[in-house]
Amino acid sequence: MADTTAGTYQSGPGSGRVLLKTGRAGMAARAGHDLTIEVTRWSARVTVPDEEGGGLTAATVSVELDLGSLAVREGTGGARPLTESDRRDIEATARKILGSGTAAFTSTRITRAPGGGSIQGTLTLNGKSQPAWVQVRAPSPGTYRGSATVKQTDFGITPYSGFFGALKLRDEVTLEFELDLTPTPDQP
């Protein structure tokens, strides 16, 4: 991960994006869509100690995602194009499955590597906490891109299925993000 000056940084929808990417399975998978869903309300906070305090490898990262703010941005594949009505139905179904609570991630360890690194931590979703690993790249100073895979059943969530189980959402959902870290008002 790129060097970041000591301080506290915050990010949210105004300085980045968080996307959920789903895939389909089952006998009728060709009829469904692979979805790109944006989390439109979220916040991230990164605190980086000075080099004496460990620098970037001793940083803490916390992220909170508002699960009631999911918006379908794209649907690929499928027997027919995704309509606005389909998008509304998918968003309503997601709210039924996930509720309107939050998903939260808190780091426990950061590992640096050339051009990026990984963040190990705990993801809390649906009242359950599980270890999680996030792969991160730093394409430019202060800009970070990354991804993680979340298995829904690990959190007690039954993946969506329709047409009597012939069309299913894959258990694994990929979370992708891009964000710019800017100092909070109390930082230079």
Protein backbone atom coordinates (compact mmCIF):
# COMPACT_ATOMS: atom_id res chain seq x y z
CA MET A 1 0.00 0.00 0.00
CA ALA A 2 1.26 3.48 -0.78
CA ASP A 3 2.66 5.63 1.96
CA THR A 4 0.04 7.75 3.64
CA THR A 5 0.82 10.63 5.99
CA ALA A 6 -0.02 10.09 9.65
CA GLY A 7 -3.50 11.30 10.53
CA THR A 8 -7.16 10.43 10.36
CA TYR A 9 -8.84 10.08 6.99
CA GLN A 10 -12.49 9.71 6.08
CA SER A 11 -14.24 8.66 2.93
CA GLY A 12 -17.80 8.22 1.77
CA PRO A 13 -19.94 8.40 -1.37
CA GLY A 14 -18.54 11.84 -2.24
CA SER A 15 -15.01 10.45 -2.55
CA GLY A 16 -15.48 6.87 -3.68
CA ARG A 17 -17.75 3.96 -4.56
CA VAL A 18 -18.64 0.61 -3.05
CA LEU A 19 -20.09 -1.99 -5.39
CA LEU A 20 -21.49 -5.47 -4.83
CA LYS A 21 -21.23 -7.88 -7.76
CA THR A 22 -23.42 -10.94 -7.87
CA GLY A 23 -23.46 -13.98 -10.12
CA ARG A 24 -26.16 -16.49 -10.98
CA ALA A 25 -26.37 -20.25 -10.74
CA GLY A 26 -28.93 -23.01 -11.19
CA MET A 27 -30.63 -24.61 -14.16
CA ALA A 28 -32.25 -21.32 -15.23
CA ALA A 29 -29.12 -19.18 -14.72
CA ARG A 30 -29.24 -18.00 -18.33
CA ALA A 31 -32.56 -16.26 -17.61
CA GLY A 32 -31.18 -14.17 -14.74
CA HIS A 33 -28.68 -11.32 -14.58
CA ASP A 34 -25.26 -10.81 -13.06
CA LEU A 35 -25.78 -7.65 -11.04
CA THR A 36 -23.71 -4.63 -10.09
CA ILE A 37 -25.28 -3.02 -7.01
CA GLU A 38 -23.99 0.20 -5.48
CA VAL A 39 -24.05 0.93 -1.76
CA THR A 40 -25.07 4.59 -1.88
CA ARG A 41 -24.60 5.38 1.85
CA TRP A 42 -21.37 4.30 3.52
CA SER A 43 -18.45 5.66 5.48
CA ALA A 44 -14.82 4.67 5.97
CA ARG A 45 -12.34 5.92 8.55
CA VAL A 46 -8.60 5.23 8.47
CA THR A 47 -6.28 6.27 11.27
CA VAL A 48 -2.57 6.13 10.44
CA PRO A 49 -0.10 6.57 13.32
CA ASP A 50 3.24 8.30 12.75
CA GLU A 51 6.27 6.13 11.93
CA GLU A 52 7.16 5.85 15.63
CA GLY A 53 3.69 4.39 16.19
CA GLY A 54 4.09 1.87 13.37
CA GLY A 55 2.97 3.93 10.38
CA LEU A 56 0.69 2.42 7.77
CA THR A 57 1.09 -1.19 8.96
CA ALA A 58 -0.29 -0.13 12.36
CA ALA A 59 -3.21 1.79 10.84
CA THR A 60 -6.81 1.02 11.75
CA VAL A 61 -9.59 0.84 9.20
CA SER A 62 -13.32 0.86 9.91
CA VAL A 63 -16.09 0.81 7.33
CA GLU A 64 -19.85 0.93 7.71
CA LEU A 65 -22.25 0.11 4.84
CA ASP A 66 -25.94 1.05 4.96
CA LEU A 67 -27.70 -2.04 3.59
CA GLY A 68 -30.90 -0.06 3.08
CA SER A 69 -29.16 2.05 0.43
CA LEU A 70 -28.56 -0.56 -2.27
CA ALA A 71 -29.17 0.59 -5.86
CA VAL A 72 -28.97 -1.72 -8.88
CA ARG A 73 -26.64 -0.07 -11.40
CA GLU A 74 -26.25 -2.79 -14.02
CA GLY A 75 -27.53 -6.22 -14.99
CA THR A 76 -25.64 -8.23 -17.57
CA GLY A 77 -26.62 -11.46 -19.26
CA GLY A 78 -30.14 -12.71 -18.91
CA ALA A 79 -32.87 -13.60 -21.35
CA ARG A 80 -33.94 -9.95 -21.65
CA PRO A 81 -32.55 -6.54 -20.64
CA LEU A 82 -32.99 -5.41 -17.05
CA THR A 83 -35.89 -2.92 -16.75
CA GLU A 84 -36.49 -0.17 -14.17
CA SER A 85 -39.26 -2.34 -12.72
CA ASP A 86 -36.76 -5.23 -12.41
CA ARG A 87 -34.33 -2.91 -10.61
CA ARG A 88 -36.99 -1.84 -8.11
CA ASP A 89 -38.02 -5.46 -7.51
CA ILE A 90 -34.40 -6.53 -6.96
CA GLU A 91 -33.79 -3.65 -4.54
CA ALA A 92 -36.96 -4.55 -2.60
CA THR A 93 -35.94 -8.22 -2.46
CA ALA A 94 -32.46 -7.26 -1.23
CA ARG A 95 -34.04 -5.20 1.58
CA LYS A 96 -36.18 -8.20 2.56
CA ILE A 97 -33.17 -10.53 2.62
CA LEU A 98 -30.63 -8.15 4.19
CA GLY A 99 -32.87 -5.82 6.15
CA SER A 100 -32.09 -2.14 6.47
CA GLY A 101 -29.25 -2.46 8.97
CA THR A 102 -25.56 -2.09 8.41
CA ALA A 103 -22.55 -4.20 7.56
CA ALA A 104 -19.38 -3.20 9.40
CA PHE A 105 -15.71 -4.03 8.86
CA THR A 106 -12.94 -3.39 11.38
CA SER A 107 -9.30 -4.10 10.58
CA THR A 108 -7.02 -6.20 12.75
CA ARG A 109 -3.90 -6.27 10.56
CA ILE A 110 -2.50 -4.52 7.49
CA THR A 111 0.12 -6.14 5.30
CA ARG A 112 2.00 -4.05 2.75
CA ALA A 113 3.12 -5.33 -0.64
CA PRO A 114 4.48 -3.58 -3.75
CA GLY A 115 1.64 -1.49 -5.21
CA GLY A 116 -0.85 -2.45 -2.52
CA GLY A 117 -1.37 -5.04 0.17
CA SER A 118 -4.11 -6.64 2.21
CA ILE A 119 -6.24 -5.77 5.19
CA GLN A 120 -7.32 -8.49 7.55
CA GLY A 121 -10.24 -7.86 9.87
CA THR A 122 -13.71 -8.75 11.03
CA LEU A 123 -16.89 -8.31 8.99
CA THR A 124 -20.16 -8.09 10.91
CA LEU A 125 -23.30 -8.72 8.88
CA ASN A 126 -26.75 -9.98 9.82
CA GLY A 127 -25.72 -10.13 13.50
CA LYS A 128 -22.79 -12.48 12.77
CA SER A 129 -19.06 -11.72 12.70
CA GLN A 130 -16.54 -13.54 10.52
CA PRO A 131 -12.89 -13.00 9.55
CA ALA A 132 -12.49 -11.11 6.28
CA TRP A 133 -9.60 -10.26 3.96
CA VAL A 134 -9.53 -7.29 1.63
CA GLN A 135 -7.02 -7.04 -1.21
CA VAL A 136 -5.98 -3.44 -1.86
CA ARG A 137 -4.12 -1.65 -4.67
CA ALA A 138 -2.89 1.93 -4.58
CA PRO A 139 -2.84 3.19 -8.19
CA SER A 140 -1.89 6.71 -7.05
CA PRO A 141 -1.17 8.50 -3.75
CA GLY A 142 -4.30 8.64 -1.60
CA THR A 143 -6.36 6.52 -4.04
CA TYR A 144 -7.17 2.93 -3.11
CA ARG A 145 -9.00 0.18 -4.97
CA GLY A 146 -9.80 -3.19 -3.55
CA SER A 147 -12.02 -6.21 -3.36
CA ALA A 148 -13.20 -8.94 -1.04
CA THR A 149 -15.41 -11.99 -1.43
CA VAL A 150 -18.25 -12.54 1.02
CA LYS A 151 -20.01 -15.89 1.32
CA GLN A 152 -23.62 -15.13 2.30
CA THR A 153 -24.25 -18.41 4.12
CA ASP A 154 -21.32 -17.65 6.47
CA PHE A 155 -23.54 -14.87 7.83
CA GLY A 156 -26.77 -16.86 8.01
CA ILE A 157 -28.12 -15.37 4.77
CA THR A 158 -29.87 -17.69 2.34
CA PRO A 159 -29.00 -16.56 -1.20
CA TYR A 160 -31.96 -15.52 -3.34
CA SER A 161 -33.57 -18.20 -5.47
CA GLY A 162 -36.52 -18.02 -7.83
CA PHE A 163 -38.45 -20.19 -10.25
CA PHE A 164 -38.71 -22.97 -7.64
CA GLY A 165 -34.93 -22.96 -7.13
CA ALA A 166 -34.02 -23.15 -10.83
CA LEU A 167 -32.52 -19.61 -10.71
CA LYS A 168 -30.20 -18.85 -7.82
CA LEU A 169 -27.87 -16.14 -6.69
CA ARG A 170 -24.38 -17.52 -6.13
CA ASP A 171 -23.43 -17.74 -2.48
CA GLU A 172 -20.28 -15.65 -3.07
CA VAL A 173 -20.72 -11.91 -3.59
CA THR A 174 -17.76 -9.75 -4.57
CA LEU A 175 -17.38 -6.36 -2.92
CA GLU A 176 -15.31 -3.84 -4.89
CA PHE A 177 -14.38 -0.34 -3.81
CA GLU A 178 -12.48 2.71 -4.92
CA LEU A 179 -11.85 5.61 -2.59
CA ASP A 180 -9.78 8.72 -2.12
CA LEU A 181 -8.63 9.35 1.40
CA THR A 182 -8.78 12.97 2.45
CA PRO A 183 -7.78 14.30 5.88
CA THR A 184 -10.55 15.09 8.33
CA PRO A 185 -11.01 18.79 9.20
CA ASP A 186 -8.67 18.46 12.21
CA GLN A 187 -5.80 17.23 10.00
CA PRO A 188 -3.51 19.33 7.78
